[in-house]
């Protein structure tokens, strides 16, 4: 393989590493009220993380709530 071809193949790989997002995560919890479900879910978020999305939905014949939180962690 020529050095020019190796360089051409390596560039997308290096760009991909440079453009990789910070580590991300998510958590989901359920509770009998929305505030409790959200508090439980937010307690799973690492201290250094930035919450990027919060979403709560109700479900069931006796209303319960499910909250989902996503975050990114720029320190990793």
PDB file of N, CA and C in Angstrom:
ATOM      1  N   UNK A   1       0.857  -1.177   0.000  1.00  0.00           N
ATOM      2  CA  UNK A   1       0.000   0.000   0.000  1.00  0.00           C
ATOM      3  C   UNK A   1       0.900   1.236   0.000  1.00  0.00           C
ATOM      4  N   UNK A   2       0.628   2.153  -0.876  1.00  0.00           N
ATOM      5  CA  UNK A   2       1.451   3.350  -0.977  1.00  0.00           C
ATOM      6  C   UNK A   2       1.199   4.274   0.197  1.00  0.00           C
ATOM      7  N   UNK A   3       2.149   5.104   0.496  1.00  0.00           N
ATOM      8  CA  UNK A   3       1.994   6.030   1.618  1.00  0.00           C
ATOM      9  C   UNK A   3       0.878   7.047   1.354  1.00  0.00           C
ATOM     10  N   UNK A   4       0.681   7.398   0.091  1.00  0.00           N
ATOM     11  CA  UNK A   4      -0.394   8.340  -0.253  1.00  0.00           C
ATOM     12  C   UNK A   4      -1.759   7.708   0.022  1.00  0.00           C
ATOM     13  N   UNK A   5      -1.910   6.416  -0.318  1.00  0.00           N
ATOM     14  CA  UNK A   5      -3.161   5.707  -0.070  1.00  0.00           C
ATOM     15  C   UNK A   5      -3.392   5.546   1.435  1.00  0.00           C
ATOM     16  N   UNK A   6      -2.347   5.235   2.167  1.00  0.00           N
ATOM     17  CA  UNK A   6      -2.460   5.114   3.631  1.00  0.00           C
ATOM     18  C   UNK A   6      -2.927   6.431   4.240  1.00  0.00           C
ATOM     19  N   UNK A   7      -2.360   7.524   3.785  1.00  0.00           N
ATOM     20  CA  UNK A   7      -2.744   8.840   4.297  1.00  0.00           C
ATOM     21  C   UNK A   7      -4.200   9.146   3.961  1.00  0.00           C
ATOM     22  N   UNK A   8      -4.613   8.813   2.743  1.00  0.00           N
ATOM     23  CA  UNK A   8      -5.998   9.067   2.330  1.00  0.00           C
ATOM     24  C   UNK A   8      -6.978   8.247   3.161  1.00  0.00           C
ATOM     25  N   UNK A   9      -6.606   7.041   3.521  1.00  0.00           N
ATOM     26  CA  UNK A   9      -7.479   6.199   4.345  1.00  0.00           C
ATOM     27  C   UNK A   9      -7.471   6.628   5.807  1.00  0.00           C
ATOM     28  N   UNK A  10      -6.396   7.217   6.267  1.00  0.00           N
ATOM     29  CA  UNK A  10      -6.278   7.612   7.666  1.00  0.00           C
ATOM     30  C   UNK A  10      -7.031   8.900   7.981  1.00  0.00           C
ATOM     31  N   UNK A  11      -7.181   9.786   7.004  1.00  0.00           N
ATOM     32  CA  UNK A  11      -7.811  11.088   7.255  1.00  0.00           C
ATOM     33  C   UNK A  11      -9.238  10.955   7.782  1.00  0.00           C
ATOM     34  N   UNK A  12     -10.131  10.175   7.170  1.00  0.00           N
ATOM     35  CA  UNK A  12     -11.486  10.059   7.727  1.00  0.00           C
ATOM     36  C   UNK A  12     -11.482   9.500   9.149  1.00  0.00           C
ATOM     37  N   UNK A  13     -10.559   8.587   9.409  1.00  0.00           N
ATOM     38  CA  UNK A  13     -10.465   8.023  10.756  1.00  0.00           C
ATOM     39  C   UNK A  13     -10.081   9.097  11.760  1.00  0.00           C
ATOM     40  N   UNK A  14      -9.094   9.926  11.427  1.00  0.00           N
ATOM     41  CA  UNK A  14      -8.659  10.986  12.345  1.00  0.00           C
ATOM     42  C   UNK A  14      -9.746  12.034  12.520  1.00  0.00           C
ATOM     43  N   UNK A  15     -10.444  12.362  11.464  1.00  0.00           N
ATOM     44  CA  UNK A  15     -11.541  13.334  11.565  1.00  0.00           C
ATOM     45  C   UNK A  15     -12.636  12.772  12.453  1.00  0.00           C
ATOM     46  N   UNK A  16     -12.930  11.493  12.308  1.00  0.00           N
ATOM     47  CA  UNK A  16     -13.948  10.860  13.142  1.00  0.00           C
ATOM     48  C   UNK A  16     -13.590  10.913  14.607  1.00  0.00           C
ATOM     49  N   UNK A  17     -12.337  10.702  14.947  1.00  0.00           N
ATOM     50  CA  UNK A  17     -11.924  10.772  16.349  1.00  0.00           C
ATOM     51  C   UNK A  17     -12.021  12.194  16.880  1.00  0.00           C
ATOM     52  N   UNK A  18     -11.638  13.153  16.069  1.00  0.00           N
ATOM     53  CA  UNK A  18     -11.683  14.539  16.511  1.00  0.00           C
ATOM     54  C   UNK A  18     -13.119  15.024  16.675  1.00  0.00           C
ATOM     55  N   UNK A  19     -14.015  14.515  15.855  1.00  0.00           N
ATOM     56  CA  UNK A  19     -15.401  14.961  15.895  1.00  0.00           C
ATOM     57  C   UNK A  19     -16.261  14.109  16.817  1.00  0.00           C
ATOM     58  N   UNK A  20     -15.674  13.125  17.473  1.00  0.00           N
ATOM     59  CA  UNK A  20     -16.455  12.249  18.350  1.00  0.00           C
ATOM     60  C   UNK A  20     -17.059  13.058  19.486  1.00  0.00           C
ATOM     61  N   UNK A  21     -18.315  12.814  19.781  1.00  0.00           N
ATOM     62  CA  UNK A  21     -18.954  13.553  20.860  1.00  0.00           C
ATOM     63  C   UNK A  21     -18.428  13.110  22.219  1.00  0.00           C
ATOM     64  N   UNK A  22     -18.662  13.923  23.212  1.00  0.00           N
ATOM     65  CA  UNK A  22     -18.313  13.547  24.578  1.00  0.00           C
ATOM     66  C   UNK A  22     -19.122  12.318  24.963  1.00  0.00           C
ATOM     67  N   UNK A  23     -18.644  11.599  25.943  1.00  0.00           N
ATOM     68  CA  UNK A  23     -19.377  10.418  26.376  1.00  0.00           C
ATOM     69  C   UNK A  23     -20.775  10.811  26.816  1.00  0.00           C
ATOM     70  N   UNK A  24     -21.721   9.983  26.508  1.00  0.00           N
ATOM     71  CA  UNK A  24     -23.109  10.285  26.822  1.00  0.00           C
ATOM     72  C   UNK A  24     -23.711   9.129  27.602  1.00  0.00           C
ATOM     73  N   UNK A  25     -24.833   9.413  28.228  1.00  0.00           N
ATOM     74  CA  UNK A  25     -25.530   8.375  28.952  1.00  0.00           C
ATOM     75  C   UNK A  25     -26.994   8.718  29.065  1.00  0.00           C
ATOM     76  N   UNK A  26     -27.729   7.805  29.644  1.00  0.00           N
ATOM     77  CA  UNK A  26     -29.152   8.037  29.848  1.00  0.00           C
ATOM     78  C   UNK A  26     -29.629   7.210  31.026  1.00  0.00           C
ATOM     79  N   UNK A  27     -30.760   7.612  31.562  1.00  0.00           N
ATOM     80  CA  UNK A  27     -31.372   6.893  32.680  1.00  0.00           C
ATOM     81  C   UNK A  27     -32.882   7.050  32.587  1.00  0.00           C
ATOM     82  N   UNK A  28     -33.595   6.043  33.068  1.00  0.00           N
ATOM     83  CA  UNK A  28     -35.057   6.060  33.088  1.00  0.00           C
ATOM     84  C   UNK A  28     -35.523   5.531  34.434  1.00  0.00           C
ATOM     85  N   UNK A  29     -36.507   6.193  35.021  1.00  0.00           N
ATOM     86  CA  UNK A  29     -37.097   5.745  36.281  1.00  0.00           C
ATOM     87  C   UNK A  29     -38.594   5.986  36.258  1.00  0.00           C
ATOM     88  N   UNK A  30     -39.305   5.240  37.107  1.00  0.00           N
ATOM     89  CA  UNK A  30     -40.755   5.378  37.224  1.00  0.00           C
ATOM     90  C   UNK A  30     -41.128   5.643  38.672  1.00  0.00           C
ATOM     91  N   UNK A  31     -42.249   6.354  38.850  1.00  0.00           N
ATOM     92  CA  UNK A  31     -42.768   6.636  40.190  1.00  0.00           C
ATOM     93  C   UNK A  31     -44.238   7.007  40.079  1.00  0.00           C
ATOM     94  N   UNK A  32     -44.867   7.167  41.238  1.00  0.00           N
ATOM     95  CA  UNK A  32     -46.301   7.477  41.261  1.00  0.00           C
ATOM     96  C   UNK A  32     -46.595   8.944  40.983  1.00  0.00           C
ATOM     97  N   UNK A  33     -45.579   9.806  41.024  1.00  0.00           N
ATOM     98  CA  UNK A  33     -45.796  11.186  40.595  1.00  0.00           C
ATOM     99  C   UNK A  33     -44.599  11.656  39.776  1.00  0.00           C
ATOM    100  N   UNK A  34     -44.838  12.646  38.960  1.00  0.00           N
ATOM    101  CA  UNK A  34     -43.826  13.090  37.998  1.00  0.00           C
ATOM    102  C   UNK A  34     -42.587  13.656  38.685  1.00  0.00           C
ATOM    103  N   UNK A  35     -42.783  14.439  39.726  1.00  0.00           N
ATOM    104  CA  UNK A  35     -41.648  15.052  40.419  1.00  0.00           C
ATOM    105  C   UNK A  35     -40.708  13.991  40.980  1.00  0.00           C
ATOM    106  N   UNK A  36     -41.255  12.959  41.600  1.00  0.00           N
ATOM    107  CA  UNK A  36     -40.437  11.895  42.173  1.00  0.00           C
ATOM    108  C   UNK A  36     -39.710  11.110  41.082  1.00  0.00           C
ATOM    109  N   UNK A  37     -40.396  10.819  39.998  1.00  0.00           N
ATOM    110  CA  UNK A  37     -39.768  10.100  38.887  1.00  0.00           C
ATOM    111  C   UNK A  37     -38.606  10.904  38.311  1.00  0.00           C
ATOM    112  N   UNK A  38     -38.795  12.207  38.150  1.00  0.00           N
ATOM    113  CA  UNK A  38     -37.743  13.056  37.601  1.00  0.00           C
ATOM    114  C   UNK A  38     -36.568  13.169  38.571  1.00  0.00           C
ATOM    115  N   UNK A  39     -36.845  13.343  39.866  1.00  0.00           N
ATOM    116  CA  UNK A  39     -35.776  13.426  40.863  1.00  0.00           C
ATOM    117  C   UNK A  39     -34.947  12.142  40.891  1.00  0.00           C
ATOM    118  N   UNK A  40     -35.616  11.001  40.831  1.00  0.00           N
ATOM    119  CA  UNK A  40     -34.904   9.723  40.835  1.00  0.00           C
ATOM    120  C   UNK A  40     -34.015   9.592  39.597  1.00  0.00           C
ATOM    121  N   UNK A  41     -34.541  10.020  38.478  1.00  0.00           N
ATOM    122  CA  UNK A  41     -33.784   9.909  37.233  1.00  0.00           C
ATOM    123  C   UNK A  41     -32.595  10.861  37.232  1.00  0.00           C
ATOM    124  N   UNK A  42     -32.803  12.088  37.667  1.00  0.00           N
ATOM    125  CA  UNK A  42     -31.707  13.057  37.702  1.00  0.00           C
ATOM    126  C   UNK A  42     -30.613  12.647  38.686  1.00  0.00           C
ATOM    127  N   UNK A  43     -30.957  11.879  39.699  1.00  0.00           N
ATOM    128  CA  UNK A  43     -29.943  11.437  40.656  1.00  0.00           C
ATOM    129  C   UNK A  43     -28.959  10.451  40.018  1.00  0.00           C
ATOM    130  N   UNK A  44     -29.299   9.881  38.872  1.00  0.00           N
ATOM    131  CA  UNK A  44     -28.409   8.970  38.162  1.00  0.00           C
ATOM    132  C   UNK A  44     -27.406   9.691  37.263  1.00  0.00           C
ATOM    133  N   UNK A  45     -27.591  10.988  37.076  1.00  0.00           N
ATOM    134  CA  UNK A  45     -26.713  11.761  36.197  1.00  0.00           C
ATOM    135  C   UNK A  45     -25.404  12.070  36.937  1.00  0.00           C
ATOM    136  N   UNK A  46     -24.255  11.780  36.320  1.00  0.00           N
ATOM    137  CA  UNK A  46     -22.971  12.107  36.963  1.00  0.00           C
ATOM    138  C   UNK A  46     -22.846  13.606  37.233  1.00  0.00           C
ATOM    139  N   UNK A  47     -22.091  13.965  38.268  1.00  0.00           N
ATOM    140  CA  UNK A  47     -21.946  15.372  38.657  1.00  0.00           C
ATOM    141  C   UNK A  47     -21.381  16.247  37.550  1.00  0.00           C
ATOM    142  N   UNK A  48     -20.450  15.732  36.760  1.00  0.00           N
ATOM    143  CA  UNK A  48     -19.802  16.544  35.738  1.00  0.00           C
ATOM    144  C   UNK A  48     -20.595  16.601  34.433  1.00  0.00           C
ATOM    145  N   UNK A  49     -21.698  15.884  34.359  1.00  0.00           N
ATOM    146  CA  UNK A  49     -22.461  15.788  33.110  1.00  0.00           C
ATOM    147  C   UNK A  49     -23.393  16.975  32.915  1.00  0.00           C
ATOM    148  N   UNK A  50     -23.746  17.184  31.652  1.00  0.00           N
ATOM    149  CA  UNK A  50     -24.699  18.227  31.266  1.00  0.00           C
ATOM    150  C   UNK A  50     -25.934  17.527  30.713  1.00  0.00           C
ATOM    151  N   UNK A  51     -27.088  17.792  31.326  1.00  0.00           N
ATOM    152  CA  UNK A  51     -28.338  17.184  30.867  1.00  0.00           C
ATOM    153  C   UNK A  51     -28.707  17.784  29.521  1.00  0.00           C
ATOM    154  N   UNK A  52     -28.934  16.919  28.536  1.00  0.00           N
ATOM    155  CA  UNK A  52     -29.267  17.375  27.190  1.00  0.00           C
ATOM    156  C   UNK A  52     -30.731  17.148  26.839  1.00  0.00           C
ATOM    157  N   UNK A  53     -31.424  16.305  27.612  1.00  0.00           N
ATOM    158  CA  UNK A  53     -32.835  16.029  27.330  1.00  0.00           C
ATOM    159  C   UNK A  53     -33.518  15.476  28.567  1.00  0.00           C
ATOM    160  N   UNK A  54     -34.724  15.964  28.850  1.00  0.00           N
ATOM    161  CA  UNK A  54     -35.575  15.438  29.922  1.00  0.00           C
ATOM    162  C   UNK A  54     -36.955  15.207  29.336  1.00  0.00           C
ATOM    163  N   UNK A  55     -37.533  14.044  29.623  1.00  0.00           N
ATOM    164  CA  UNK A  55     -38.845  13.729  29.084  1.00  0.00           C
ATOM    165  C   UNK A  55     -39.594  12.858  30.085  1.00  0.00           C
ATOM    166  N   UNK A  56     -40.819  13.228  30.413  1.00  0.00           N
ATOM    167  CA  UNK A  56     -41.653  12.436  31.314  1.00  0.00           C
ATOM    168  C   UNK A  56     -42.986  12.138  30.635  1.00  0.00           C
ATOM    169  N   UNK A  57     -43.460  10.912  30.804  1.00  0.00           N
ATOM    170  CA  UNK A  57     -44.758  10.524  30.260  1.00  0.00           C
ATOM    171  C   UNK A  57     -45.543   9.790  31.333  1.00  0.00           C
ATOM    172  N   UNK A  58     -46.847   9.877  31.231  1.00  0.00           N
ATOM    173  CA  UNK A  58     -47.713   9.162  32.166  1.00  0.00           C
ATOM    174  C   UNK A  58     -48.187   7.875  31.493  1.00  0.00           C
ATOM    175  N   UNK A  59     -48.497   6.864  32.340  1.00  0.00           N
ATOM    176  CA  UNK A  59     -48.967   5.594  31.809  1.00  0.00           C
ATOM    177  C   UNK A  59     -49.757   4.861  32.888  1.00  0.00           C
ATOM    178  N   UNK A  60     -50.478   3.867  32.459  1.00  0.00           N
ATOM    179  CA  UNK A  60     -51.184   2.965  33.357  1.00  0.00           C
ATOM    180  C   UNK A  60     -52.582   3.428  33.726  1.00  0.00           C
ATOM    181  N   UNK A  61     -53.393   2.470  34.201  1.00  0.00           N
ATOM    182  CA  UNK A  61     -54.756   2.803  34.607  1.00  0.00           C
ATOM    183  C   UNK A  61     -54.769   3.691  35.856  1.00  0.00           C
ATOM    184  N   UNK A  62     -53.838   3.439  36.770  1.00  0.00           N
ATOM    185  CA  UNK A  62     -53.608   4.343  37.893  1.00  0.00           C
ATOM    186  C   UNK A  62     -52.341   5.086  37.515  1.00  0.00           C
ATOM    187  N   UNK A  63     -52.475   6.370  37.281  1.00  0.00           N
ATOM    188  CA  UNK A  63     -51.400   7.125  36.648  1.00  0.00           C
ATOM    189  C   UNK A  63     -50.067   6.994  37.374  1.00  0.00           C
ATOM    190  N   UNK A  64     -49.073   6.574  36.626  1.00  0.00           N
ATOM    191  CA  UNK A  64     -47.678   6.554  37.037  1.00  0.00           C
ATOM    192  C   UNK A  64     -46.909   7.375  36.008  1.00  0.00           C
ATOM    193  N   UNK A  65     -45.689   7.721  36.355  1.00  0.00           N
ATOM    194  CA  UNK A  65     -44.870   8.520  35.447  1.00  0.00           C
ATOM    195  C   UNK A  65     -43.546   7.830  35.191  1.00  0.00           C
ATOM    196  N   UNK A  66     -43.097   7.936  33.957  1.00  0.00           N
ATOM    197  CA  UNK A  66     -41.791   7.418  33.546  1.00  0.00           C
ATOM    198  C   UNK A  66     -41.004   8.606  33.008  1.00  0.00           C
ATOM    199  N   UNK A  67     -39.850   8.859  33.601  1.00  0.00           N
ATOM    200  CA  UNK A  67     -39.002   9.958  33.144  1.00  0.00           C
ATOM    201  C   UNK A  67     -37.699   9.398  32.580  1.00  0.00           C
ATOM    202  N   UNK A  68     -37.273  10.002  31.497  1.00  0.00           N
ATOM    203  CA  UNK A  68     -36.049   9.605  30.813  1.00  0.00           C
ATOM    204  C   UNK A  68     -35.171  10.847  30.683  1.00  0.00           C
ATOM    205  N   UNK A  69     -33.903  10.717  31.062  1.00  0.00           N
ATOM    206  CA  UNK A  69     -32.951  11.818  30.991  1.00  0.00           C
ATOM    207  C   UNK A  69     -31.737  11.359  30.195  1.00  0.00           C
ATOM    208  N   UNK A  70     -31.243  12.228  29.327  1.00  0.00           N
ATOM    209  CA  UNK A  70     -30.019  11.963  28.578  1.00  0.00           C
ATOM    210  C   UNK A  70     -29.007  13.042  28.926  1.00  0.00           C
ATOM    211  N   UNK A  71     -27.736  12.670  28.908  1.00  0.00           N
ATOM    212  CA  UNK A  71     -26.697  13.634  29.239  1.00  0.00           C
ATOM    213  C   UNK A  71     -25.440  13.375  28.420  1.00  0.00           C
ATOM    214  N   UNK A  72     -24.587  14.404  28.397  1.00  0.00           N
ATOM    215  CA  UNK A  72     -23.242  14.256  27.835  1.00  0.00           C
ATOM    216  C   UNK A  72     -22.273  14.658  28.939  1.00  0.00           C
ATOM    217  N   UNK A  73     -21.101  14.045  28.898  1.00  0.00           N
ATOM    218  CA  UNK A  73     -20.098  14.314  29.939  1.00  0.00           C
ATOM    219  C   UNK A  73     -18.824  14.826  29.265  1.00  0.00           C
ATOM    220  N   UNK A  74     -18.671  16.136  29.205  1.00  0.00           N
ATOM    221  CA  UNK A  74     -17.537  16.716  28.490  1.00  0.00           C
ATOM    222  C   UNK A  74     -16.195  16.458  29.144  1.00  0.00           C
ATOM    223  N   UNK A  75     -16.163  15.986  30.376  1.00  0.00           N
ATOM    224  CA  UNK A  75     -14.879  15.753  31.057  1.00  0.00           C
ATOM    225  C   UNK A  75     -14.250  14.440  30.647  1.00  0.00           C
ATOM    226  N   UNK A  76     -14.997  13.552  29.979  1.00  0.00           N
ATOM    227  CA  UNK A  76     -14.442  12.256  29.557  1.00  0.00           C
ATOM    228  C   UNK A  76     -14.075  12.267  28.099  1.00  0.00           C
TER     229      UNK A  76
END
